[in-house]
Amino acid sequence: MALSFMEGNEAVARGAMAAGCNFFAGYPITPATTIFNNMLKMLPPTGGICIQGEDEIASMGYCIGAAMAGKKVLTATSGPGISLYSEQVSFAIGSEIPLVIADVQRLGPSTGSATRGADSDIQFLRWGATSGVPVIVLVPKDALDCYILTIQAFNYAEEFRCPVFIASNKEIGMTKESFDLSSATLPSLVERTLYTGDDYIPFEAEPDKAPPFLPIGGKTLVRQTSSTHGPDGFITIDPEVIAANQQRLRTKLHAARERISLYEENLVPDTDTLVISYGITSRAVEDAAKALARKGNPVSTLSLKTVWPVPEQAIIKAAADFKRVVVIEMNLGQYVNEIRRILNHKIIDFYGQMNGVMITPAKIMEIIENE
């Protein structure tokens, strides 16, 4: 056993290094700054680049340029910064630019409480870019998750050529804890598929795949644009060409939905209640479930680690035999309606809290026992 002792933000940085990250740009913001600090320590000695932009908009611009040049890119921010990232996140989606964005959430709206945690941005991460094209959002529950899911985020960014979000929060990001990394199963690294032919068409791809990649600045001309474009990279207003590209941007993620649906479940026989949660709230749910079992009132649990695209089949399968589903969120209900949409024949109870205080196991027990 080899115990590590670090906060979630350091684990994100170390996970990024393990994934082969070689470029970071960002702007200091509580509670994400220690990701930046750790990358500043680790990247330059390995030949990587770490830059502080003059603001969040510039930082995302650096990241997009580096990713288009072939770098594996990480940035980190919190709610106000994610708002400023929005336009260039849309660019990365539309032009299929791979990068990983760590959002260490804090209590909103706006500046909110910089030192108080909440899962404030769950809906914004999904819908904060124009077009509604799906994105991948992974949610860690602890420091070990931060390490593993960061590697997974880079793998998805490389495979699908898209931005991938890590939706951490202040309580995970700035809390130090011990974990045994040597006992964890780490995903094998994935690299973006490189084009090997002679006549490169930058956005030509199978209907459910990302196109192969060539970096800008090389021997082959690579076209990039933030406007609607055809496979050749030229701007177009042809409805059929636009529709085909929009559909592929959706299909490349939705076709892989089950494979990228990450979760943990503890389905206890002869229980009638399933508790669904994500992030640090899942840890309180686990403690509550153990206490309820000791009282002779056991429940089952489902902890989501992928929230977008919605892991529909995992939720349907887990909930199939339960009369009651309870959803717990560290906000006022940003995900529960997805559960209600999927399980529209089930009784769905909800508890949300967004006051800068974590939801306690005792509160969760009260919700579960108050049928």
Protein backbone atom coordinates (compact mmCIF):
# COMPACT_ATOMS: atom_id res chain seq x y z
CA MET A 1 0.00 0.00 0.00
CA ALA A 2 1.29 3.45 -0.96
CA LEU A 3 -0.83 6.16 0.63
CA SER A 4 -1.05 9.58 -0.97
CA PHE A 5 -2.16 12.64 1.00
CA MET A 6 -3.38 15.55 -1.09
CA GLU A 7 -6.31 17.81 -1.84
CA GLY A 8 -8.57 17.21 -4.81
CA ASN A 9 -7.02 20.07 -6.78
CA GLU A 10 -3.55 18.55 -6.50
CA ALA A 11 -5.02 15.20 -7.53
CA VAL A 12 -6.48 16.82 -10.67
CA ALA A 13 -3.06 18.27 -11.51
CA ARG A 14 -1.28 14.96 -10.90
CA GLY A 15 -3.92 13.09 -12.89
CA ALA A 16 -3.40 15.53 -15.76
CA MET A 17 0.35 14.89 -15.69
CA ALA A 18 -0.26 11.14 -15.68
CA ALA A 19 -2.51 11.60 -18.73
CA GLY A 20 0.28 13.35 -20.63
CA CYS A 21 -0.87 16.95 -20.23
CA ASN A 22 1.82 19.31 -21.50
CA PHE A 23 0.06 22.69 -21.53
CA PHE A 24 -1.87 24.66 -18.93
CA ALA A 25 -3.26 28.18 -19.14
CA GLY A 26 -5.51 29.79 -16.58
CA TYR A 27 -6.24 32.74 -14.35
CA PRO A 28 -6.19 32.54 -10.54
CA ILE A 29 -9.62 32.09 -8.98
CA THR A 30 -10.72 30.62 -5.66
CA PRO A 31 -11.17 27.67 -5.21
CA ALA A 32 -9.37 26.44 -8.37
CA THR A 33 -6.04 28.27 -8.03
CA THR A 34 -4.11 25.38 -6.49
CA ILE A 35 -4.57 23.37 -9.70
CA PHE A 36 -2.71 26.22 -11.42
CA ASN A 37 -0.10 26.27 -8.64
CA ASN A 38 0.56 22.56 -8.94
CA MET A 39 0.80 22.66 -12.72
CA LEU A 40 3.25 25.53 -12.42
CA LYS A 41 5.47 23.29 -10.26
CA MET A 42 5.14 20.16 -12.38
CA LEU A 43 4.91 21.20 -16.05
CA PRO A 44 8.10 23.24 -16.72
CA PRO A 45 10.51 20.58 -15.38
CA THR A 46 9.03 18.08 -17.86
CA GLY A 47 9.24 20.47 -20.81
CA GLY A 48 5.59 21.51 -20.58
CA ILE A 49 4.19 25.02 -20.67
CA CYS A 50 2.23 26.77 -17.91
CA ILE A 51 0.87 30.28 -18.59
CA GLN A 52 -1.20 32.77 -16.62
CA GLY A 53 -3.41 34.63 -19.05
CA GLU A 54 -4.38 38.24 -18.47
CA ASP A 55 -7.92 36.98 -17.83
CA GLU A 56 -10.08 33.90 -18.34
CA ILE A 57 -10.96 34.73 -21.94
CA ALA A 58 -7.31 34.98 -22.93
CA SER A 59 -6.48 31.82 -21.01
CA MET A 60 -9.05 29.81 -22.95
CA GLY A 61 -7.71 31.29 -26.17
CA TYR A 62 -4.22 30.04 -25.28
CA CYS A 63 -5.65 26.61 -24.51
CA ILE A 64 -7.50 26.40 -27.82
CA GLY A 65 -4.41 27.43 -29.77
CA ALA A 66 -2.23 24.93 -27.94
CA ALA A 67 -4.74 22.12 -28.47
CA MET A 68 -4.96 22.89 -32.19
CA ALA A 69 -1.15 22.71 -32.28
CA GLY A 70 -1.30 19.19 -30.83
CA LYS A 71 -0.84 19.79 -27.11
CA LYS A 72 -2.78 17.99 -24.38
CA VAL A 73 -4.40 20.90 -22.61
CA LEU A 74 -5.85 21.59 -19.15
CA THR A 75 -7.38 24.73 -17.71
CA ALA A 76 -9.05 25.31 -14.35
CA THR A 77 -11.51 27.87 -13.06
CA SER A 78 -14.70 28.33 -11.03
CA GLY A 79 -18.20 29.63 -11.79
CA PRO A 80 -17.37 33.22 -12.81
CA GLY A 81 -14.56 31.98 -15.05
CA ILE A 82 -16.74 29.32 -16.67
CA SER A 83 -19.09 32.13 -17.65
CA LEU A 84 -16.22 33.89 -19.44
CA TYR A 85 -15.07 30.65 -21.05
CA SER A 86 -18.46 30.14 -22.67
CA GLU A 87 -17.88 31.59 -26.16
CA GLN A 88 -14.62 29.72 -26.67
CA VAL A 89 -16.11 26.50 -25.29
CA SER A 90 -18.60 26.82 -28.16
CA PHE A 91 -15.65 27.24 -30.54
CA ALA A 92 -14.01 24.09 -29.14
CA ILE A 93 -17.25 22.12 -29.56
CA GLY A 94 -17.91 23.30 -33.11
CA SER A 95 -14.33 22.98 -34.32
CA GLU A 96 -13.69 19.73 -32.41
CA ILE A 97 -10.79 20.96 -30.33
CA PRO A 98 -9.84 18.59 -27.47
CA LEU A 99 -9.24 20.11 -24.03
CA VAL A 100 -10.04 19.43 -20.38
CA ILE A 101 -11.67 22.07 -18.17
CA ALA A 102 -11.68 21.66 -14.39
CA ASP A 103 -14.54 23.64 -12.83
CA VAL A 104 -13.99 23.76 -9.08
CA GLN A 105 -17.48 24.99 -8.27
CA ARG A 106 -18.37 27.48 -5.58
CA LEU A 107 -21.60 28.91 -4.32
CA GLY A 108 -23.32 31.15 -6.89
CA PRO A 109 -24.83 33.06 -8.51
CA SER A 110 -22.26 35.50 -9.87
CA THR A 111 -19.31 36.02 -7.53
CA GLY A 112 -21.26 34.20 -4.82
CA SER A 113 -19.17 32.89 -1.95
CA ALA A 114 -15.66 32.14 -3.11
CA THR A 115 -14.86 29.92 -0.12
CA ARG A 116 -18.15 28.01 0.01
CA GLY A 117 -18.82 24.92 -2.06
CA ALA A 118 -21.89 23.99 -4.07
CA ASP A 119 -22.72 22.11 -7.24
CA SER A 120 -23.74 25.41 -8.79
CA ASP A 121 -22.76 24.86 -12.41
CA ILE A 122 -24.19 21.46 -13.34
CA GLN A 123 -26.75 22.86 -15.77
CA PHE A 124 -24.46 25.63 -17.03
CA LEU A 125 -21.77 23.13 -18.03
CA ARG A 126 -24.30 21.33 -20.21
CA TRP A 127 -26.14 24.33 -21.65
CA GLY A 128 -23.61 27.18 -21.36
CA ALA A 129 -22.52 26.92 -24.98
CA THR A 130 -24.46 27.81 -28.12
CA SER A 131 -26.12 25.10 -30.27
CA GLY A 132 -27.02 22.59 -27.56
CA VAL A 133 -24.53 20.04 -28.88
CA PRO A 134 -23.80 17.56 -26.06
CA VAL A 135 -20.70 17.77 -23.89
CA ILE A 136 -19.05 15.36 -21.45
CA VAL A 137 -19.14 16.27 -17.75
CA LEU A 138 -17.48 14.04 -15.13
CA VAL A 139 -18.10 14.53 -11.40
CA PRO A 140 -15.62 13.30 -8.77
CA LYS A 141 -16.64 12.55 -5.19
CA ASP A 142 -13.16 12.60 -3.60
CA ALA A 143 -9.47 13.17 -4.29
CA LEU A 144 -8.92 9.69 -5.75
CA ASP A 145 -11.78 10.31 -8.16
CA CYS A 146 -10.17 13.63 -9.10
CA TYR A 147 -7.03 11.75 -10.16
CA ILE A 148 -8.77 8.93 -12.03
CA LEU A 149 -11.48 11.03 -13.69
CA THR A 150 -8.93 13.57 -14.89
CA ILE A 151 -7.14 10.81 -16.79
CA GLN A 152 -10.51 9.66 -18.11
CA ALA A 153 -11.36 13.24 -19.13
CA PHE A 154 -8.19 13.48 -21.21
CA ASN A 155 -8.99 10.14 -22.82
CA TYR A 156 -12.46 11.31 -23.81
CA ALA A 157 -11.17 14.67 -25.04
CA GLU A 158 -8.63 12.89 -27.23
CA GLU A 159 -11.03 10.27 -28.59
CA PHE A 160 -14.01 12.50 -29.26
CA ARG A 161 -12.13 15.74 -29.97
CA CYS A 162 -14.26 17.84 -27.65
CA PRO A 163 -14.01 19.82 -24.42
CA VAL A 164 -14.52 17.64 -21.33
CA PHE A 165 -15.47 19.16 -17.97
CA ILE A 166 -14.48 17.96 -14.52
CA ALA A 167 -17.17 19.28 -12.17
CA SER A 168 -15.38 19.30 -8.83
CA ASN A 169 -16.23 21.76 -6.06
CA LYS A 170 -14.55 23.67 -3.27
CA GLU A 171 -15.10 20.97 -0.66
CA ILE A 172 -13.39 18.32 -2.77
CA GLY A 173 -10.80 20.58 -4.34
CA MET A 174 -9.43 22.14 -1.15
CA THR A 175 -9.74 19.25 1.31
CA LYS A 176 -6.70 17.05 1.87
CA GLU A 177 -7.29 13.35 2.36
CA SER A 178 -5.46 10.03 2.16
CA PHE A 179 -6.01 7.51 -0.61
CA ASP A 180 -4.22 4.44 -1.93
CA LEU A 181 -3.40 5.13 -5.55
CA SER A 182 -1.57 1.82 -5.95
CA SER A 183 -4.81 -0.12 -5.45
CA ALA A 184 -6.75 1.91 -8.02
CA THR A 185 -7.41 0.68 -11.54
CA LEU A 186 -6.30 3.45 -13.87
CA PRO A 187 -7.59 3.76 -17.44
CA SER A 188 -5.15 3.14 -20.26
CA LEU A 189 -4.17 6.31 -22.07
CA VAL A 190 -5.92 7.27 -25.30
CA GLU A 191 -4.33 9.53 -27.93
CA ARG A 192 -6.16 11.39 -30.67
CA THR A 193 -6.18 9.62 -34.02
CA LEU A 194 -3.69 11.21 -36.41
CA TYR A 195 -4.30 11.52 -40.13
CA THR A 196 -1.86 9.45 -42.19
CA GLY A 197 -3.00 9.99 -45.81
CA ASP A 198 -2.00 12.49 -48.46
CA ASP A 199 -5.04 14.72 -48.99
CA TYR A 200 -6.16 15.97 -45.60
CA ILE A 201 -9.80 17.02 -45.25
CA PRO A 202 -9.94 18.42 -41.70
CA PHE A 203 -13.52 17.53 -40.75
CA GLU A 204 -14.14 14.42 -42.81
CA ALA A 205 -15.26 11.61 -40.50
CA GLU A 206 -17.58 8.66 -40.09
CA PRO A 207 -21.10 9.67 -38.94
CA ASP A 208 -20.40 8.59 -35.34
CA LYS A 209 -16.72 9.49 -35.05
CA ALA A 210 -14.44 12.48 -34.61
CA PRO A 211 -12.22 13.31 -37.60
CA PRO A 212 -8.54 12.35 -37.53
CA PHE A 213 -6.22 15.12 -36.37
CA LEU A 214 -3.33 17.09 -37.77
CA PRO A 215 -1.82 20.05 -35.88
CA ILE A 216 -1.87 23.58 -37.23
CA GLY A 217 1.57 24.90 -38.03
CA GLY A 218 2.83 21.70 -39.64
CA LYS A 219 3.67 20.84 -43.22
CA THR A 220 0.02 20.20 -44.12
CA LEU A 221 -2.47 23.05 -44.36
CA VAL A 222 -5.09 22.70 -41.63
CA ARG A 223 -8.20 24.88 -41.81
CA GLN A 224 -10.03 25.92 -38.64
CA THR A 225 -13.05 28.16 -38.27
CA SER A 226 -15.60 28.98 -35.61
CA SER A 227 -18.31 29.29 -38.27
CA THR A 228 -20.49 26.53 -39.72
CA HIS A 229 -18.32 24.53 -42.07
CA GLY A 230 -18.23 21.47 -44.25
CA PRO A 231 -15.77 18.58 -44.12
CA ASP A 232 -13.24 20.71 -46.00
CA GLY A 233 -13.19 23.35 -43.26
CA PHE A 234 -14.55 26.13 -45.45
CA ILE A 235 -17.46 28.25 -44.19
CA THR A 236 -20.80 27.12 -45.57
CA ILE A 237 -24.49 28.01 -45.36
CA ASP A 238 -25.60 24.85 -47.17
CA PRO A 239 -28.43 23.44 -44.97
CA GLU A 240 -27.67 19.80 -45.79
CA VAL A 241 -23.96 20.14 -45.03
CA ILE A 242 -24.66 22.03 -41.80
CA ALA A 243 -27.27 19.48 -40.70
CA ALA A 244 -24.93 16.54 -41.34
CA ASN A 245 -22.16 18.13 -39.28
CA GLN A 246 -24.48 19.07 -36.42
CA GLN A 247 -25.80 15.52 -36.34
CA ARG A 248 -22.30 14.04 -36.26
CA LEU A 249 -21.30 16.28 -33.36
CA ARG A 250 -24.23 14.82 -31.42
CA THR A 251 -23.92 11.25 -32.59
CA LYS A 252 -20.22 10.84 -31.80
CA LEU A 253 -21.05 11.26 -28.09
CA HIS A 254 -24.52 9.72 -27.94
CA ALA A 255 -23.36 6.59 -29.77
CA ALA A 256 -20.81 6.05 -26.99
CA ARG A 257 -23.15 7.05 -24.15
CA GLU A 258 -23.15 3.69 -22.36
CA ARG A 259 -19.37 3.33 -22.59
CA ILE A 260 -18.79 6.79 -21.10
CA SER A 261 -21.45 6.36 -18.39
CA LEU A 262 -19.37 6.10 -15.22
CA TYR A 263 -21.06 5.39 -11.88
CA GLU A 264 -20.90 3.44 -8.63
CA GLU A 265 -23.89 1.52 -7.32
CA ASN A 266 -24.68 -0.42 -4.17
CA LEU A 267 -27.96 -2.22 -4.83
CA VAL A 268 -28.96 -3.92 -1.58
CA PRO A 269 -31.40 -6.86 -1.89
CA ASP A 270 -34.91 -6.39 -0.47
CA THR A 271 -34.73 -2.59 -0.31
CA ASP A 272 -37.45 -0.38 -1.76
CA THR A 273 -35.58 2.97 -1.89
CA LEU A 274 -32.80 4.00 -4.26
CA VAL A 275 -30.84 7.18 -3.45
CA ILE A 276 -29.22 8.91 -6.45
CA SER A 277 -26.49 11.52 -5.94
CA TYR A 278 -23.21 12.79 -7.38
CA GLY A 279 -20.08 14.61 -6.24
CA ILE A 280 -19.22 15.07 -2.60
CA THR A 281 -22.88 14.57 -1.64
CA SER A 282 -22.42 10.89 -2.56
CA ARG A 283 -20.07 10.53 0.39
CA ALA A 284 -22.71 11.80 2.79
CA VAL A 285 -25.22 9.44 1.14
CA GLU A 286 -22.87 6.51 1.69
CA ASP A 287 -22.51 7.38 5.40
CA ALA A 288 -26.28 7.77 5.73
CA ALA A 289 -26.84 4.40 4.03
CA LYS A 290 -24.47 2.68 6.46
CA ALA A 291 -26.23 4.26 9.44
CA LEU A 292 -29.65 3.27 8.11
CA ALA A 293 -28.47 -0.30 7.60
CA ARG A 294 -27.35 -0.45 11.23
CA LYS A 295 -30.84 0.70 12.21
CA GLY A 296 -32.40 -2.06 10.13
CA ASN A 297 -33.66 0.29 7.43
CA PRO A 298 -31.23 -0.30 4.51
CA VAL A 299 -31.37 1.59 1.21
CA SER A 300 -29.60 1.24 -2.12
CA THR A 301 -27.43 3.93 -3.69
CA LEU A 302 -26.37 5.10 -7.14
CA SER A 303 -23.52 7.62 -7.40
CA LEU A 304 -23.16 9.21 -10.85
CA LYS A 305 -19.68 10.09 -12.07
CA THR A 306 -20.86 10.98 -15.59
CA VAL A 307 -23.74 13.46 -15.55
CA TRP A 308 -23.63 14.60 -19.20
CA PRO A 309 -24.49 12.96 -21.48
CA VAL A 310 -27.10 11.61 -19.08
CA PRO A 311 -26.35 7.91 -18.33
CA GLU A 312 -29.93 6.94 -19.08
CA GLN A 313 -29.55 3.17 -19.31
CA ALA A 314 -27.55 3.00 -16.08
CA ILE A 315 -30.25 4.96 -14.26
CA ILE A 316 -33.11 2.92 -15.75
CA LYS A 317 -31.41 -0.37 -14.93
CA ALA A 318 -30.49 0.63 -11.36
CA ALA A 319 -33.97 1.95 -10.58
CA ALA A 320 -35.96 -0.86 -12.19
CA ASP A 321 -36.95 -2.73 -9.01
CA PHE A 322 -37.43 0.21 -6.65
CA LYS A 323 -40.71 1.75 -5.59
CA ARG A 324 -39.12 5.01 -4.49
CA VAL A 325 -36.20 7.07 -5.76
CA VAL A 326 -34.65 9.89 -3.71
CA VAL A 327 -32.38 12.44 -5.43
CA ILE A 328 -30.00 14.52 -3.29
CA GLU A 329 -28.15 17.52 -4.77
CA MET A 330 -25.92 20.27 -3.40
CA ASN A 331 -28.02 22.84 -5.27
CA LEU A 332 -31.72 23.60 -5.67
CA GLY A 333 -32.40 20.91 -8.25
CA GLN A 334 -30.22 21.10 -11.36
CA TYR A 335 -30.30 17.39 -12.21
CA VAL A 336 -33.42 15.94 -10.62
CA ASN A 337 -35.58 16.75 -13.64
CA GLU A 338 -33.37 14.53 -15.79
CA ILE A 339 -34.09 11.70 -13.34
CA ARG A 340 -37.81 12.48 -13.46
CA ARG A 341 -37.72 12.52 -17.26
CA ILE A 342 -36.07 9.11 -17.41
CA LEU A 343 -38.06 7.50 -14.57
CA ASN A 344 -41.39 9.16 -15.29
CA HIS A 345 -43.37 6.26 -13.79
CA LYS A 346 -41.51 6.35 -10.47
CA ILE A 347 -42.06 8.34 -7.30
CA ILE A 348 -39.13 10.78 -7.20
CA ASP A 349 -38.44 12.62 -3.95
CA PHE A 350 -35.92 15.44 -3.96
CA TYR A 351 -33.83 17.32 -1.43
CA GLY A 352 -31.55 20.17 -2.45
CA GLN A 353 -29.48 22.58 -0.41
CA MET A 354 -27.50 25.59 -1.59
CA ASN A 355 -26.41 27.69 1.36
CA GLY A 356 -22.65 27.10 1.46
CA VAL A 357 -22.96 24.18 3.88
CA MET A 358 -22.55 20.54 2.92
CA ILE A 359 -25.54 18.21 3.23
CA THR A 360 -25.02 15.99 6.27
CA PRO A 361 -25.69 12.26 6.59
CA ALA A 362 -28.17 13.08 9.36
CA LYS A 363 -30.17 15.31 7.01
CA ILE A 364 -30.17 12.62 4.33
CA MET A 365 -31.39 10.05 6.86
CA GLU A 366 -34.20 12.41 7.84
CA ILE A 367 -35.25 12.79 4.19
CA ILE A 368 -35.19 9.04 3.58
CA GLU A 369 -37.05 8.11 6.75
CA ASN A 370 -39.71 10.82 6.26
CA GLU A 371 -41.73 8.91 3.64
